[in-house]
Amino acid sequence: MIKKKYAADAKDIYEMETSTKEIDKAYKLMSEALMILRKFEAALAVRKIKGKVNDSTNNNIDDLI
């Protein structure tokens, strides 16, 4: 389970000892989350472009492919 920290708990964060293994794990998870968000953003952009092409040409781009 992921433990949430709030700004009020910042003092606790500075006082705790964090191993490099925990930091590496957190970094890896954050990187994976960013990659998922980038893929989602790209999918939304493609969907928007497809919509513009469909509207401009009055053809469904998926039927052309």
PDB file of N, CA and C in Angstrom:
ATOM      1  N   MET A   1       0.845  -1.180   0.000  1.00  0.00           N
ATOM      2  CA  MET A   1       0.000   0.000   0.000  1.00  0.00           C
ATOM      3  C   MET A   1       0.891   1.245   0.000  1.00  0.00           C
ATOM      4  N   ILE A   2       0.540   2.220  -0.806  1.00  0.00           N
ATOM      5  CA  ILE A   2       1.318   3.453  -0.902  1.00  0.00           C
ATOM      6  C   ILE A   2       0.910   4.382   0.236  1.00  0.00           C
ATOM      7  N   LYS A   3       1.914   4.901   0.909  1.00  0.00           N
ATOM      8  CA  LYS A   3       1.680   5.807   2.021  1.00  0.00           C
ATOM      9  C   LYS A   3       1.727   7.238   1.512  1.00  0.00           C
ATOM     10  N   LYS A   4       0.661   8.010   1.760  1.00  0.00           N
ATOM     11  CA  LYS A   4       0.613   9.400   1.306  1.00  0.00           C
ATOM     12  C   LYS A   4       1.232  10.305   2.358  1.00  0.00           C
ATOM     13  N   LYS A   5       1.990  11.299   1.885  1.00  0.00           N
ATOM     14  CA  LYS A   5       2.571  12.300   2.776  1.00  0.00           C
ATOM     15  C   LYS A   5       2.020  13.663   2.385  1.00  0.00           C
ATOM     16  N   TYR A   6       1.719  14.458   3.355  1.00  0.00           N
ATOM     17  CA  TYR A   6       1.199  15.795   3.122  1.00  0.00           C
ATOM     18  C   TYR A   6       2.240  16.826   3.564  1.00  0.00           C
ATOM     19  N   ALA A   7       2.051  18.056   3.157  1.00  0.00           N
ATOM     20  CA  ALA A   7       3.005  19.121   3.490  1.00  0.00           C
ATOM     21  C   ALA A   7       3.190  19.229   5.004  1.00  0.00           C
ATOM     22  N   ALA A   8       2.136  18.976   5.759  1.00  0.00           N
ATOM     23  CA  ALA A   8       2.234  19.058   7.216  1.00  0.00           C
ATOM     24  C   ALA A   8       3.170  17.997   7.770  1.00  0.00           C
ATOM     25  N   ASP A   9       3.360  16.915   7.019  1.00  0.00           N
ATOM     26  CA  ASP A   9       4.223  15.827   7.453  1.00  0.00           C
ATOM     27  C   ASP A   9       5.651  15.961   6.919  1.00  0.00           C
ATOM     28  N   ALA A  10       5.989  17.094   6.332  1.00  0.00           N
ATOM     29  CA  ALA A  10       7.315  17.264   5.725  1.00  0.00           C
ATOM     30  C   ALA A  10       8.422  17.049   6.740  1.00  0.00           C
ATOM     31  N   LYS A  11       8.205  17.448   7.971  1.00  0.00           N
ATOM     32  CA  LYS A  11       9.199  17.257   9.029  1.00  0.00           C
ATOM     33  C   LYS A  11       9.525  15.768   9.187  1.00  0.00           C
ATOM     34  N   ASP A  12       8.509  14.925   9.074  1.00  0.00           N
ATOM     35  CA  ASP A  12       8.711  13.473   9.197  1.00  0.00           C
ATOM     36  C   ASP A  12       9.583  12.946   8.067  1.00  0.00           C
ATOM     37  N   ILE A  13       9.418  13.493   6.879  1.00  0.00           N
ATOM     38  CA  ILE A  13      10.182  13.029   5.724  1.00  0.00           C
ATOM     39  C   ILE A  13      11.668  13.343   5.910  1.00  0.00           C
ATOM     40  N   TYR A  14      11.978  14.523   6.404  1.00  0.00           N
ATOM     41  CA  TYR A  14      13.381  14.897   6.592  1.00  0.00           C
ATOM     42  C   TYR A  14      14.043  14.095   7.706  1.00  0.00           C
ATOM     43  N   GLU A  15      13.249  13.632   8.651  1.00  0.00           N
ATOM     44  CA  GLU A  15      13.805  12.896   9.773  1.00  0.00           C
ATOM     45  C   GLU A  15      13.925  11.397   9.499  1.00  0.00           C
ATOM     46  N   MET A  16      13.266  10.890   8.451  1.00  0.00           N
ATOM     47  CA  MET A  16      13.297   9.453   8.211  1.00  0.00           C
ATOM     48  C   MET A  16      14.510   9.062   7.375  1.00  0.00           C
ATOM     49  N   GLU A  17      14.943   7.853   7.544  1.00  0.00           N
ATOM     50  CA  GLU A  17      16.054   7.336   6.765  1.00  0.00           C
ATOM     51  C   GLU A  17      15.486   6.547   5.597  1.00  0.00           C
ATOM     52  N   THR A  18      15.899   6.890   4.409  1.00  0.00           N
ATOM     53  CA  THR A  18      15.411   6.220   3.211  1.00  0.00           C
ATOM     54  C   THR A  18      16.593   5.548   2.528  1.00  0.00           C
ATOM     55  N   SER A  19      16.433   4.286   2.228  1.00  0.00           N
ATOM     56  CA  SER A  19      17.524   3.563   1.586  1.00  0.00           C
ATOM     57  C   SER A  19      17.556   3.894   0.093  1.00  0.00           C
ATOM     58  N   THR A  20      18.701   3.691  -0.507  1.00  0.00           N
ATOM     59  CA  THR A  20      18.820   3.943  -1.948  1.00  0.00           C
ATOM     60  C   THR A  20      17.935   2.985  -2.731  1.00  0.00           C
ATOM     61  N   LYS A  21      17.699   1.798  -2.195  1.00  0.00           N
ATOM     62  CA  LYS A  21      16.815   0.834  -2.859  1.00  0.00           C
ATOM     63  C   LYS A  21      15.388   1.380  -2.923  1.00  0.00           C
ATOM     64  N   GLU A  22      14.907   1.985  -1.836  1.00  0.00           N
ATOM     65  CA  GLU A  22      13.566   2.572  -1.816  1.00  0.00           C
ATOM     66  C   GLU A  22      13.483   3.755  -2.771  1.00  0.00           C
ATOM     67  N   ILE A  23      14.538   4.553  -2.812  1.00  0.00           N
ATOM     68  CA  ILE A  23      14.561   5.707  -3.716  1.00  0.00           C
ATOM     69  C   ILE A  23      14.548   5.236  -5.163  1.00  0.00           C
ATOM     70  N   ASP A  24      15.334   4.218  -5.486  1.00  0.00           N
ATOM     71  CA  ASP A  24      15.354   3.673  -6.844  1.00  0.00           C
ATOM     72  C   ASP A  24      13.994   3.110  -7.235  1.00  0.00           C
ATOM     73  N   LYS A  25      13.337   2.428  -6.308  1.00  0.00           N
ATOM     74  CA  LYS A  25      12.018   1.857  -6.577  1.00  0.00           C
ATOM     75  C   LYS A  25      11.002   2.976  -6.846  1.00  0.00           C
ATOM     76  N   ALA A  26      11.035   4.019  -6.023  1.00  0.00           N
ATOM     77  CA  ALA A  26      10.125   5.146  -6.201  1.00  0.00           C
ATOM     78  C   ALA A  26      10.382   5.846  -7.535  1.00  0.00           C
ATOM     79  N   TYR A  27      11.650   6.009  -7.892  1.00  0.00           N
ATOM     80  CA  TYR A  27      12.008   6.642  -9.161  1.00  0.00           C
ATOM     81  C   TYR A  27      11.486   5.826 -10.334  1.00  0.00           C
ATOM     82  N   LYS A  28      11.643   4.510 -10.257  1.00  0.00           N
ATOM     83  CA  LYS A  28      11.177   3.629 -11.327  1.00  0.00           C
ATOM     84  C   LYS A  28       9.659   3.713 -11.486  1.00  0.00           C
ATOM     85  N   LEU A  29       8.942   3.710 -10.367  1.00  0.00           N
ATOM     86  CA  LEU A  29       7.483   3.812 -10.417  1.00  0.00           C
ATOM     87  C   LEU A  29       7.032   5.159 -10.975  1.00  0.00           C
ATOM     88  N   MET A  30       7.729   6.229 -10.590  1.00  0.00           N
ATOM     89  CA  MET A  30       7.386   7.556 -11.122  1.00  0.00           C
ATOM     90  C   MET A  30       7.653   7.615 -12.621  1.00  0.00           C
ATOM     91  N   SER A  31       8.743   7.008 -13.077  1.00  0.00           N
ATOM     92  CA  SER A  31       9.060   6.982 -14.500  1.00  0.00           C
ATOM     93  C   SER A  31       8.004   6.225 -15.285  1.00  0.00           C
ATOM     94  N   GLU A  32       7.552   5.099 -14.740  1.00  0.00           N
ATOM     95  CA  GLU A  32       6.503   4.321 -15.397  1.00  0.00           C
ATOM     96  C   GLU A  32       5.198   5.110 -15.466  1.00  0.00           C
ATOM     97  N   ALA A  33       4.873   5.822 -14.398  1.00  0.00           N
ATOM     98  CA  ALA A  33       3.656   6.635 -14.380  1.00  0.00           C
ATOM     99  C   ALA A  33       3.732   7.744 -15.421  1.00  0.00           C
ATOM    100  N   LEU A  34       4.885   8.380 -15.548  1.00  0.00           N
ATOM    101  CA  LEU A  34       5.053   9.432 -16.554  1.00  0.00           C
ATOM    102  C   LEU A  34       4.922   8.876 -17.971  1.00  0.00           C
ATOM    103  N   MET A  35       5.449   7.670 -18.205  1.00  0.00           N
ATOM    104  CA  MET A  35       5.343   7.049 -19.520  1.00  0.00           C
ATOM    105  C   MET A  35       3.883   6.759 -19.865  1.00  0.00           C
ATOM    106  N   ILE A  36       3.131   6.279 -18.886  1.00  0.00           N
ATOM    107  CA  ILE A  36       1.705   6.016 -19.103  1.00  0.00           C
ATOM    108  C   ILE A  36       0.975   7.308 -19.441  1.00  0.00           C
ATOM    109  N   LEU A  37       1.288   8.382 -18.725  1.00  0.00           N
ATOM    110  CA  LEU A  37       0.646   9.672 -18.996  1.00  0.00           C
ATOM    111  C   LEU A  37       1.012  10.193 -20.383  1.00  0.00           C
ATOM    112  N   ARG A  38       2.261  10.002 -20.801  1.00  0.00           N
ATOM    113  CA  ARG A  38       2.673  10.449 -22.134  1.00  0.00           C
ATOM    114  C   ARG A  38       1.950   9.669 -23.217  1.00  0.00           C
ATOM    115  N   LYS A  39       1.785   8.355 -23.014  1.00  0.00           N
ATOM    116  CA  LYS A  39       1.053   7.533 -23.987  1.00  0.00           C
ATOM    117  C   LYS A  39      -0.402   7.964 -24.069  1.00  0.00           C
ATOM    118  N   PHE A  40      -0.994   8.255 -22.920  1.00  0.00           N
ATOM    119  CA  PHE A  40      -2.379   8.707 -22.889  1.00  0.00           C
ATOM    120  C   PHE A  40      -2.530  10.046 -23.599  1.00  0.00           C
ATOM    121  N   GLU A  41      -1.578  10.943 -23.351  1.00  0.00           N
ATOM    122  CA  GLU A  41      -1.587  12.254 -24.006  1.00  0.00           C
ATOM    123  C   GLU A  41      -1.456  12.094 -25.523  1.00  0.00           C
ATOM    124  N   ALA A  42      -0.596  11.190 -25.975  1.00  0.00           N
ATOM    125  CA  ALA A  42      -0.420  10.940 -27.405  1.00  0.00           C
ATOM    126  C   ALA A  42      -1.691  10.359 -28.010  1.00  0.00           C
ATOM    127  N   ALA A  43      -2.334   9.463 -27.290  1.00  0.00           N
ATOM    128  CA  ALA A  43      -3.587   8.874 -27.793  1.00  0.00           C
ATOM    129  C   ALA A  43      -4.664   9.936 -27.948  1.00  0.00           C
ATOM    130  N   LEU A  44      -4.729  10.860 -26.994  1.00  0.00           N
ATOM    131  CA  LEU A  44      -5.707  11.948 -27.099  1.00  0.00           C
ATOM    132  C   LEU A  44      -5.398  12.855 -28.291  1.00  0.00           C
ATOM    133  N   ALA A  45      -4.119  13.115 -28.529  1.00  0.00           N
ATOM    134  CA  ALA A  45      -3.726  13.959 -29.656  1.00  0.00           C
ATOM    135  C   ALA A  45      -4.093  13.288 -30.976  1.00  0.00           C
ATOM    136  N   VAL A  46      -3.851  11.991 -31.093  1.00  0.00           N
ATOM    137  CA  VAL A  46      -4.200  11.255 -32.313  1.00  0.00           C
ATOM    138  C   VAL A  46      -5.704  11.288 -32.536  1.00  0.00           C
ATOM    139  N   ARG A  47      -6.442  11.090 -31.455  1.00  0.00           N
ATOM    140  CA  ARG A  47      -7.906  11.111 -31.576  1.00  0.00           C
ATOM    141  C   ARG A  47      -8.396  12.488 -32.050  1.00  0.00           C
ATOM    142  N   LYS A  48      -7.779  13.543 -31.537  1.00  0.00           N
ATOM    143  CA  LYS A  48      -8.153  14.903 -31.928  1.00  0.00           C
ATOM    144  C   LYS A  48      -7.831  15.152 -33.406  1.00  0.00           C
ATOM    145  N   ILE A  49      -6.649  14.708 -33.842  1.00  0.00           N
ATOM    146  CA  ILE A  49      -6.245  14.870 -35.242  1.00  0.00           C
ATOM    147  C   ILE A  49      -7.172  14.081 -36.153  1.00  0.00           C
ATOM    148  N   LYS A  50      -7.499  12.840 -35.763  1.00  0.00           N
ATOM    149  CA  LYS A  50      -8.416  12.023 -36.560  1.00  0.00           C
ATOM    150  C   LYS A  50      -9.768  12.710 -36.703  1.00  0.00           C
ATOM    151  N   GLY A  51     -10.241  13.315 -35.623  1.00  0.00           N
ATOM    152  CA  GLY A  51     -11.514  14.026 -35.666  1.00  0.00           C
ATOM    153  C   GLY A  51     -11.469  15.201 -36.629  1.00  0.00           C
ATOM    154  N   LYS A  52     -10.364  15.939 -36.627  1.00  0.00           N
ATOM    155  CA  LYS A  52     -10.220  17.082 -37.537  1.00  0.00           C
ATOM    156  C   LYS A  52     -10.179  16.620 -38.989  1.00  0.00           C
ATOM    157  N   VAL A  53      -9.449  15.532 -39.254  1.00  0.00           N
ATOM    158  CA  VAL A  53      -9.366  15.001 -40.615  1.00  0.00           C
ATOM    159  C   VAL A  53     -10.740  14.522 -41.071  1.00  0.00           C
ATOM    160  N   ASN A  54     -11.430  13.813 -40.198  1.00  0.00           N
ATOM    161  CA  ASN A  54     -12.770  13.316 -40.539  1.00  0.00           C
ATOM    162  C   ASN A  54     -13.714  14.468 -40.864  1.00  0.00           C
ATOM    163  N   ASP A  55     -13.658  15.531 -40.064  1.00  0.00           N
ATOM    164  CA  ASP A  55     -14.524  16.689 -40.295  1.00  0.00           C
ATOM    165  C   ASP A  55     -14.150  17.427 -41.579  1.00  0.00           C
ATOM    166  N   SER A  56     -12.855  17.558 -41.845  1.00  0.00           N
ATOM    167  CA  SER A  56     -12.398  18.312 -43.012  1.00  0.00           C
ATOM    168  C   SER A  56     -12.680  17.587 -44.322  1.00  0.00           C
ATOM    169  N   THR A  57     -12.522  16.284 -44.315  1.00  0.00           N
ATOM    170  CA  THR A  57     -12.673  15.520 -45.563  1.00  0.00           C
ATOM    171  C   THR A  57     -14.024  14.851 -45.714  1.00  0.00           C
ATOM    172  N   ASN A  58     -14.820  14.903 -44.658  1.00  0.00           N
ATOM    173  CA  ASN A  58     -16.115  14.210 -44.642  1.00  0.00           C
ATOM    174  C   ASN A  58     -15.944  12.709 -44.903  1.00  0.00           C
ATOM    175  N   ASN A  59     -14.790  12.176 -44.576  1.00  0.00           N
ATOM    176  CA  ASN A  59     -14.509  10.744 -44.684  1.00  0.00           C
ATOM    177  C   ASN A  59     -13.956  10.266 -43.349  1.00  0.00           C
ATOM    178  N   ASN A  60     -14.263   9.014 -43.050  1.00  0.00           N
ATOM    179  CA  ASN A  60     -13.705   8.426 -41.837  1.00  0.00           C
ATOM    180  C   ASN A  60     -12.279   7.957 -42.177  1.00  0.00           C
ATOM    181  N   ILE A  61     -11.291   8.494 -41.480  1.00  0.00           N
ATOM    182  CA  ILE A  61      -9.892   8.166 -41.779  1.00  0.00           C
ATOM    183  C   ILE A  61      -9.620   6.664 -41.576  1.00  0.00           C
ATOM    184  N   ASP A  62     -10.332   6.041 -40.639  1.00  0.00           N
ATOM    185  CA  ASP A  62     -10.129   4.605 -40.409  1.00  0.00           C
ATOM    186  C   ASP A  62     -10.555   3.786 -41.618  1.00  0.00           C
ATOM    187  N   ASP A  63     -11.559   4.263 -42.374  1.00  0.00           N
ATOM    188  CA  ASP A  63     -11.977   3.555 -43.588  1.00  0.00           C
ATOM    189  C   ASP A  63     -10.943   3.675 -44.699  1.00  0.00           C
ATOM    190  N   LEU A  64     -10.143   4.746 -44.663  1.00  0.00           N
ATOM    191  CA  LEU A  64      -9.123   4.951 -45.703  1.00  0.00           C
ATOM    192  C   LEU A  64      -7.888   4.094 -45.467  1.00  0.00           C
ATOM    193  N   ILE A  65      -7.657   3.728 -44.232  1.00  0.00           N
ATOM    194  CA  ILE A  65      -6.435   2.983 -43.904  1.00  0.00           C
ATOM    195  C   ILE A  65      -6.595   1.519 -44.255  1.00  0.00           C
TER     196      ILE A  65
END
